[in-house]
Amino acid sequence: MVLFVLVELRVENPLLHLRAFALPEFTKGISLMWLNQIVVFGAMLLVPLYLQNLVGLSSETTGLIMVPQAIASFLGMVIGGRLFDKLGTKAAALPGFALGAFSLLLFTQINPHSSLLFTICAILLLGLAQGLVNMQVNNHALQAIPLQKISRVTPLTNEMMQVVNSFAIAFLTAFLSRQMKIEKTGAFLQTNLTAFHHTFFLLLIFVSVGFILTLFLKKKANA
């Protein structure tokens, strides 16, 4: 990987335009994408595991409960796109990260006795937050790139996203497992519930970092 990076930085026509990271607005935009993806994929991993292993729901019921996230995400993309066009990236991303933080705060308080409505509301907020952030910060990052180099940067964003998603799942799974081992002195249910709460809190930290980083974005990346 190190050798690949060195070669890509020196050749005239690289496969992946790594020099794009020298552009501050691109780097900030892509970093926000990564943070958002970590939270989204983390939640898609944790919430179904929680619902099946701690609440005792079937995989079919869990899948149906997760459907509102996709619907809310679509709605968030529509609203976020309009905010992005009229007011810039911050107008969509800041509310998105704020909603994501509130959603994860709810998840840190969830327990098997929580109502189904409480759980669905948290899932809806998370989906809405995802839609408000993802496409908007991606567009912000690409706007910072000169048009003649877009074709080299798009593969970079796609490939890096796959890497980040994989590392996010691996890291969060390891963190959750570690928390279960640390808390194993108590009852099974309480041990696992505490481990999930700690992992949701970790995602809350990622969202908070994203909110703070968004404050440093320009209104338009190419401004």
C-alpha atoms as a PDB file:
ATOM      1  CA  MET A   1       0.000   0.000   0.000  1.00  0.00           C
ATOM      2  CA  VAL A   2       2.846   2.383   0.846  1.00  0.00           C
ATOM      3  CA  LEU A   3       4.517   1.601  -2.482  1.00  0.00           C
ATOM      4  CA  PHE A   4       1.238   2.165  -4.315  1.00  0.00           C
ATOM      5  CA  VAL A   5       0.816   5.585  -2.680  1.00  0.00           C
ATOM      6  CA  LEU A   6       4.377   6.599  -3.553  1.00  0.00           C
ATOM      7  CA  VAL A   7       3.887   5.613  -7.187  1.00  0.00           C
ATOM      8  CA  GLU A   8       0.519   7.344  -7.459  1.00  0.00           C
ATOM      9  CA  LEU A   9       1.988  10.592  -6.122  1.00  0.00           C
ATOM     10  CA  ARG A  10       4.745  10.600  -8.744  1.00  0.00           C
ATOM     11  CA  VAL A  11       3.168   9.447 -12.002  1.00  0.00           C
ATOM     12  CA  GLU A  12       1.637  11.935 -14.420  1.00  0.00           C
ATOM     13  CA  ASN A  13      -1.713  10.153 -14.767  1.00  0.00           C
ATOM     14  CA  PRO A  14      -2.383   8.249 -11.521  1.00  0.00           C
ATOM     15  CA  LEU A  15      -5.177   5.705 -11.126  1.00  0.00           C
ATOM     16  CA  LEU A  16      -6.232   7.488  -7.940  1.00  0.00           C
ATOM     17  CA  HIS A  17      -5.614  11.216  -7.673  1.00  0.00           C
ATOM     18  CA  LEU A  18      -4.185  11.210  -4.141  1.00  0.00           C
ATOM     19  CA  ARG A  19      -2.972  14.785  -4.462  1.00  0.00           C
ATOM     20  CA  ALA A  20      -6.594  15.827  -4.086  1.00  0.00           C
ATOM     21  CA  PHE A  21      -6.054  15.543  -0.337  1.00  0.00           C
ATOM     22  CA  ALA A  22      -3.890  18.658  -0.595  1.00  0.00           C
ATOM     23  CA  LEU A  23      -7.101  20.639  -1.197  1.00  0.00           C
ATOM     24  CA  PRO A  24      -8.528  21.590   2.236  1.00  0.00           C
ATOM     25  CA  GLU A  25     -12.208  21.615   1.242  1.00  0.00           C
ATOM     26  CA  PHE A  26     -11.908  18.215  -0.436  1.00  0.00           C
ATOM     27  CA  THR A  27     -10.194  16.746   2.609  1.00  0.00           C
ATOM     28  CA  LYS A  28     -12.794  18.170   4.974  1.00  0.00           C
ATOM     29  CA  GLY A  29     -15.668  16.990   2.787  1.00  0.00           C
ATOM     30  CA  ILE A  30     -14.321  13.462   2.371  1.00  0.00           C
ATOM     31  CA  SER A  31     -13.544  13.231   6.089  1.00  0.00           C
ATOM     32  CA  LEU A  32     -17.156  14.118   6.873  1.00  0.00           C
ATOM     33  CA  MET A  33     -18.285  11.417   4.445  1.00  0.00           C
ATOM     34  CA  TRP A  34     -16.137   8.883   6.278  1.00  0.00           C
ATOM     35  CA  LEU A  35     -17.466   9.909   9.678  1.00  0.00           C
ATOM     36  CA  ASN A  36     -21.023   9.689   8.421  1.00  0.00           C
ATOM     37  CA  GLN A  37     -20.424   6.270   6.875  1.00  0.00           C
ATOM     38  CA  ILE A  38     -18.866   4.950  10.071  1.00  0.00           C
ATOM     39  CA  VAL A  39     -21.979   6.000  11.974  1.00  0.00           C
ATOM     40  CA  VAL A  40     -24.403   4.675   9.344  1.00  0.00           C
ATOM     41  CA  PHE A  41     -22.746   1.288   8.906  1.00  0.00           C
ATOM     42  CA  GLY A  42     -22.152   1.062  12.633  1.00  0.00           C
ATOM     43  CA  ALA A  43     -25.837   1.611  13.333  1.00  0.00           C
ATOM     44  CA  MET A  44     -26.839  -0.865  10.614  1.00  0.00           C
ATOM     45  CA  LEU A  45     -24.674  -3.421  12.421  1.00  0.00           C
ATOM     46  CA  LEU A  46     -25.573  -2.599  16.029  1.00  0.00           C
ATOM     47  CA  VAL A  47     -29.315  -1.973  15.894  1.00  0.00           C
ATOM     48  CA  PRO A  48     -30.310  -5.331  14.308  1.00  0.00           C
ATOM     49  CA  LEU A  49     -27.946  -7.173  16.669  1.00  0.00           C
ATOM     50  CA  TYR A  50     -29.497  -5.381  19.628  1.00  0.00           C
ATOM     51  CA  LEU A  51     -33.073  -6.048  18.520  1.00  0.00           C
ATOM     52  CA  GLN A  52     -32.464  -9.745  17.902  1.00  0.00           C
ATOM     53  CA  ASN A  53     -30.064 -10.636  20.721  1.00  0.00           C
ATOM     54  CA  LEU A  54     -31.346  -8.464  23.575  1.00  0.00           C
ATOM     55  CA  VAL A  55     -34.972  -7.736  22.718  1.00  0.00           C
ATOM     56  CA  GLY A  56     -35.501 -11.184  21.217  1.00  0.00           C
ATOM     57  CA  LEU A  57     -37.150 -10.141  17.950  1.00  0.00           C
ATOM     58  CA  SER A  58     -37.026 -12.315  14.854  1.00  0.00           C
ATOM     59  CA  SER A  59     -34.858 -11.395  11.875  1.00  0.00           C
ATOM     60  CA  GLU A  60     -38.005 -10.687   9.835  1.00  0.00           C
ATOM     61  CA  THR A  61     -39.435  -8.298  12.420  1.00  0.00           C
ATOM     62  CA  THR A  62     -36.055  -6.623  12.835  1.00  0.00           C
ATOM     63  CA  GLY A  63     -35.808  -6.090   9.085  1.00  0.00           C
ATOM     64  CA  LEU A  64     -39.244  -4.465   9.009  1.00  0.00           C
ATOM     65  CA  ILE A  65     -38.306  -2.167  11.895  1.00  0.00           C
ATOM     66  CA  MET A  66     -35.218  -1.040   9.968  1.00  0.00           C
ATOM     67  CA  VAL A  67     -37.232  -0.094   6.861  1.00  0.00           C
ATOM     68  CA  PRO A  68     -38.100   3.427   8.163  1.00  0.00           C
ATOM     69  CA  GLN A  69     -34.386   4.259   8.177  1.00  0.00           C
ATOM     70  CA  ALA A  70     -34.209   3.894   4.389  1.00  0.00           C
ATOM     71  CA  ILE A  71     -37.398   5.924   3.891  1.00  0.00           C
ATOM     72  CA  ALA A  72     -36.162   8.689   6.194  1.00  0.00           C
ATOM     73  CA  SER A  73     -32.795   8.663   4.440  1.00  0.00           C
ATOM     74  CA  PHE A  74     -34.499   9.268   1.077  1.00  0.00           C
ATOM     75  CA  LEU A  75     -36.488  12.124   2.583  1.00  0.00           C
ATOM     76  CA  GLY A  76     -33.288  13.559   4.069  1.00  0.00           C
ATOM     77  CA  MET A  77     -31.571  13.479   0.682  1.00  0.00           C
ATOM     78  CA  VAL A  78     -34.429  15.414  -0.911  1.00  0.00           C
ATOM     79  CA  ILE A  79     -34.476  18.052   1.816  1.00  0.00           C
ATOM     80  CA  GLY A  80     -30.686  18.160   2.054  1.00  0.00           C
ATOM     81  CA  GLY A  81     -30.316  18.616  -1.685  1.00  0.00           C
ATOM     82  CA  ARG A  82     -32.563  21.674  -1.654  1.00  0.00           C
ATOM     83  CA  LEU A  83     -30.775  23.157   1.349  1.00  0.00           C
ATOM     84  CA  PHE A  84     -27.431  22.496  -0.320  1.00  0.00           C
ATOM     85  CA  ASP A  85     -28.484  24.266  -3.544  1.00  0.00           C
ATOM     86  CA  LYS A  86     -29.916  27.318  -1.769  1.00  0.00           C
ATOM     87  CA  LEU A  87     -27.775  27.775   1.330  1.00  0.00           C
ATOM     88  CA  GLY A  88     -24.666  25.632   0.957  1.00  0.00           C
ATOM     89  CA  THR A  89     -23.286  22.506   2.598  1.00  0.00           C
ATOM     90  CA  LYS A  90     -23.471  23.651   6.215  1.00  0.00           C
ATOM     91  CA  ALA A  91     -27.216  24.250   6.005  1.00  0.00           C
ATOM     92  CA  ALA A  92     -27.758  20.541   5.378  1.00  0.00           C
ATOM     93  CA  ALA A  93     -24.821  18.914   7.184  1.00  0.00           C
ATOM     94  CA  LEU A  94     -25.099  20.729  10.521  1.00  0.00           C
ATOM     95  CA  PRO A  95     -28.752  19.734  11.135  1.00  0.00           C
ATOM     96  CA  GLY A  96     -27.872  16.271   9.849  1.00  0.00           C
ATOM     97  CA  PHE A  97     -25.081  15.708  12.339  1.00  0.00           C
ATOM     98  CA  ALA A  98     -27.202  17.248  15.103  1.00  0.00           C
ATOM     99  CA  LEU A  99     -30.070  14.851  14.381  1.00  0.00           C
ATOM    100  CA  GLY A 100     -27.590  11.978  14.208  1.00  0.00           C
ATOM    101  CA  ALA A 101     -26.217  12.932  17.610  1.00  0.00           C
ATOM    102  CA  PHE A 102     -29.714  13.095  19.107  1.00  0.00           C
ATOM    103  CA  SER A 103     -30.589   9.711  17.597  1.00  0.00           C
ATOM    104  CA  LEU A 104     -27.488   8.066  19.042  1.00  0.00           C
ATOM    105  CA  LEU A 105     -28.151   9.719  22.386  1.00  0.00           C
ATOM    106  CA  LEU A 106     -31.513   7.932  22.356  1.00  0.00           C
ATOM    107  CA  PHE A 107     -29.791   4.661  21.532  1.00  0.00           C
ATOM    108  CA  THR A 108     -27.454   5.074  24.496  1.00  0.00           C
ATOM    109  CA  GLN A 109     -30.557   5.105  26.710  1.00  0.00           C
ATOM    110  CA  ILE A 110     -32.466   2.296  25.016  1.00  0.00           C
ATOM    111  CA  ASN A 111     -33.253  -0.953  26.824  1.00  0.00           C
ATOM    112  CA  PRO A 112     -35.368  -4.071  26.197  1.00  0.00           C
ATOM    113  CA  HIS A 113     -38.294  -2.408  27.981  1.00  0.00           C
ATOM    114  CA  SER A 114     -38.260   0.637  25.668  1.00  0.00           C
ATOM    115  CA  SER A 115     -41.361   0.971  23.518  1.00  0.00           C
ATOM    116  CA  LEU A 116     -41.284   0.080  19.841  1.00  0.00           C
ATOM    117  CA  LEU A 117     -42.222   3.689  19.050  1.00  0.00           C
ATOM    118  CA  PHE A 118     -39.112   4.916  20.908  1.00  0.00           C
ATOM    119  CA  THR A 119     -36.902   2.584  18.868  1.00  0.00           C
ATOM    120  CA  ILE A 120     -38.501   3.508  15.539  1.00  0.00           C
ATOM    121  CA  CYS A 121     -38.180   7.235  16.306  1.00  0.00           C
ATOM    122  CA  ALA A 122     -34.457   6.796  16.944  1.00  0.00           C
ATOM    123  CA  ILE A 123     -34.106   4.842  13.689  1.00  0.00           C
ATOM    124  CA  LEU A 124     -36.055   7.475  11.748  1.00  0.00           C
ATOM    125  CA  LEU A 125     -33.876  10.292  13.073  1.00  0.00           C
ATOM    126  CA  LEU A 126     -30.734   8.359  12.160  1.00  0.00           C
ATOM    127  CA  GLY A 127     -31.968   7.791   8.609  1.00  0.00           C
ATOM    128  CA  LEU A 128     -32.960  11.433   8.193  1.00  0.00           C
ATOM    129  CA  ALA A 129     -29.538  12.506   9.461  1.00  0.00           C
ATOM    130  CA  GLN A 130     -27.814  10.187   6.998  1.00  0.00           C
ATOM    131  CA  GLY A 131     -29.742  11.667   4.079  1.00  0.00           C
ATOM    132  CA  LEU A 132     -29.020  15.246   5.098  1.00  0.00           C
ATOM    133  CA  VAL A 133     -25.279  14.659   5.339  1.00  0.00           C
ATOM    134  CA  ASN A 134     -24.054  12.049   2.894  1.00  0.00           C
ATOM    135  CA  MET A 135     -24.702  13.366  -0.619  1.00  0.00           C
ATOM    136  CA  GLN A 136     -24.190  16.976   0.403  1.00  0.00           C
ATOM    137  CA  VAL A 137     -20.682  16.539   1.835  1.00  0.00           C
ATOM    138  CA  ASN A 138     -19.793  14.311  -1.118  1.00  0.00           C
ATOM    139  CA  ASN A 139     -20.825  17.065  -3.526  1.00  0.00           C
ATOM    140  CA  HIS A 140     -18.916  19.595  -1.441  1.00  0.00           C
ATOM    141  CA  ALA A 141     -15.747  17.515  -1.700  1.00  0.00           C
ATOM    142  CA  LEU A 142     -16.062  17.062  -5.471  1.00  0.00           C
ATOM    143  CA  GLN A 143     -16.742  20.763  -6.046  1.00  0.00           C
ATOM    144  CA  ALA A 144     -13.270  21.498  -4.703  1.00  0.00           C
ATOM    145  CA  ILE A 145     -11.693  19.469  -7.539  1.00  0.00           C
ATOM    146  CA  PRO A 146     -10.857  21.049 -10.938  1.00  0.00           C
ATOM    147  CA  LEU A 147     -13.191  19.668 -13.613  1.00  0.00           C
ATOM    148  CA  GLN A 148     -10.376  18.084 -15.625  1.00  0.00           C
ATOM    149  CA  LYS A 149      -9.423  15.910 -12.648  1.00  0.00           C
ATOM    150  CA  ILE A 150     -12.884  14.777 -11.547  1.00  0.00           C
ATOM    151  CA  SER A 151     -12.571  11.480 -13.414  1.00  0.00           C
ATOM    152  CA  ARG A 152      -9.473  10.651 -11.339  1.00  0.00           C
ATOM    153  CA  VAL A 153     -10.980  11.698  -8.028  1.00  0.00           C
ATOM    154  CA  THR A 154     -14.304   9.834  -8.275  1.00  0.00           C
ATOM    155  CA  PRO A 155     -12.625   6.399  -8.170  1.00  0.00           C
ATOM    156  CA  LEU A 156     -10.606   7.630  -5.185  1.00  0.00           C
ATOM    157  CA  THR A 157     -13.713   8.535  -3.183  1.00  0.00           C
ATOM    158  CA  ASN A 158     -15.419   5.254  -4.097  1.00  0.00           C
ATOM    159  CA  GLU A 159     -12.437   3.063  -3.224  1.00  0.00           C
ATOM    160  CA  MET A 160     -11.680   4.871   0.024  1.00  0.00           C
ATOM    161  CA  MET A 161     -15.320   4.555   1.044  1.00  0.00           C
ATOM    162  CA  GLN A 162     -15.135   0.773   0.689  1.00  0.00           C
ATOM    163  CA  VAL A 163     -12.014   0.710   2.851  1.00  0.00           C
ATOM    164  CA  VAL A 164     -13.561   2.945   5.508  1.00  0.00           C
ATOM    165  CA  ASN A 165     -16.758   0.873   5.610  1.00  0.00           C
ATOM    166  CA  SER A 166     -14.798  -2.348   6.078  1.00  0.00           C
ATOM    167  CA  PHE A 167     -12.610  -0.902   8.816  1.00  0.00           C
ATOM    168  CA  ALA A 168     -15.652   0.607  10.539  1.00  0.00           C
ATOM    169  CA  ILE A 169     -17.448  -2.744  10.751  1.00  0.00           C
ATOM    170  CA  ALA A 170     -14.307  -4.538  11.928  1.00  0.00           C
ATOM    171  CA  PHE A 171     -13.461  -1.881  14.510  1.00  0.00           C
ATOM    172  CA  LEU A 172     -16.973  -1.591  15.948  1.00  0.00           C
ATOM    173  CA  THR A 173     -17.402  -5.360  16.130  1.00  0.00           C
ATOM    174  CA  ALA A 174     -14.117  -5.656  17.995  1.00  0.00           C
ATOM    175  CA  PHE A 175     -15.061  -2.779  20.303  1.00  0.00           C
ATOM    176  CA  LEU A 176     -18.462  -4.312  21.094  1.00  0.00           C
ATOM    177  CA  SER A 177     -16.903  -7.711  21.789  1.00  0.00           C
ATOM    178  CA  ARG A 178     -14.290  -6.121  24.010  1.00  0.00           C
ATOM    179  CA  GLN A 179     -16.949  -4.260  25.984  1.00  0.00           C
ATOM    180  CA  MET A 180     -18.858  -7.499  26.515  1.00  0.00           C
ATOM    181  CA  LYS A 181     -15.742  -9.121  27.961  1.00  0.00           C
ATOM    182  CA  ILE A 182     -15.012  -6.154  30.221  1.00  0.00           C
ATOM    183  CA  GLU A 183     -18.573  -6.059  31.580  1.00  0.00           C
ATOM    184  CA  LYS A 184     -19.050  -9.838  31.890  1.00  0.00           C
ATOM    185  CA  THR A 185     -19.078  -9.782  35.719  1.00  0.00           C
ATOM    186  CA  GLY A 186     -22.777  -8.856  35.799  1.00  0.00           C
ATOM    187  CA  ALA A 187     -25.929 -10.562  34.544  1.00  0.00           C
ATOM    188  CA  PHE A 188     -25.971 -11.536  30.860  1.00  0.00           C
ATOM    189  CA  LEU A 189     -28.628  -9.024  29.824  1.00  0.00           C
ATOM    190  CA  GLN A 190     -27.128  -6.098  31.714  1.00  0.00           C
ATOM    191  CA  THR A 191     -23.614  -6.970  30.507  1.00  0.00           C
ATOM    192  CA  ASN A 192     -24.621  -6.942  26.859  1.00  0.00           C
ATOM    193  CA  LEU A 193     -26.846  -3.887  27.238  1.00  0.00           C
ATOM    194  CA  THR A 194     -23.974  -1.903  28.767  1.00  0.00           C
ATOM    195  CA  ALA A 195     -21.672  -3.024  25.939  1.00  0.00           C
ATOM    196  CA  PHE A 196     -24.171  -1.810  23.323  1.00  0.00           C
ATOM    197  CA  HIS A 197     -24.633   1.506  25.157  1.00  0.00           C
ATOM    198  CA  HIS A 198     -20.869   2.071  25.185  1.00  0.00           C
ATOM    199  CA  THR A 199     -20.621   1.299  21.467  1.00  0.00           C
ATOM    200  CA  PHE A 200     -23.487   3.654  20.640  1.00  0.00           C
ATOM    201  CA  PHE A 201     -21.728   6.293  22.722  1.00  0.00           C
ATOM    202  CA  LEU A 202     -18.586   5.766  20.618  1.00  0.00           C
ATOM    203  CA  LEU A 203     -20.646   6.474  17.497  1.00  0.00           C
ATOM    204  CA  LEU A 204     -22.000   9.582  19.237  1.00  0.00           C
ATOM    205  CA  ILE A 205     -18.400  10.798  19.567  1.00  0.00           C
ATOM    206  CA  PHE A 206     -17.841  10.306  15.822  1.00  0.00           C
ATOM    207  CA  VAL A 207     -20.983  12.313  15.058  1.00  0.00           C
ATOM    208  CA  SER A 208     -19.894  15.093  17.406  1.00  0.00           C
ATOM    209  CA  VAL A 209     -16.539  15.312  15.653  1.00  0.00           C
ATOM    210  CA  GLY A 210     -18.391  15.555  12.344  1.00  0.00           C
ATOM    211  CA  PHE A 211     -20.555  18.399  13.634  1.00  0.00           C
ATOM    212  CA  ILE A 212     -17.497  20.350  14.787  1.00  0.00           C
ATOM    213  CA  LEU A 213     -15.639  19.764  11.507  1.00  0.00           C
ATOM    214  CA  THR A 214     -18.670  20.959   9.532  1.00  0.00           C
ATOM    215  CA  LEU A 215     -18.378  24.357  11.203  1.00  0.00           C
ATOM    216  CA  PHE A 216     -15.087  24.874   9.325  1.00  0.00           C
ATOM    217  CA  LEU A 217     -16.535  24.214   5.863  1.00  0.00           C
ATOM    218  CA  LYS A 218     -16.836  27.025   3.381  1.00  0.00           C
ATOM    219  CA  LYS A 219     -20.340  27.743   2.079  1.00  0.00           C
ATOM    220  CA  LYS A 220     -19.192  26.572  -1.353  1.00  0.00           C
ATOM    221  CA  ALA A 221     -16.085  24.435  -1.866  1.00  0.00           C
ATOM    222  CA  ASN A 222     -15.101  26.252  -5.055  1.00  0.00           C
ATOM    223  CA  ALA A 223     -15.702  29.712  -3.623  1.00  0.00           C
END
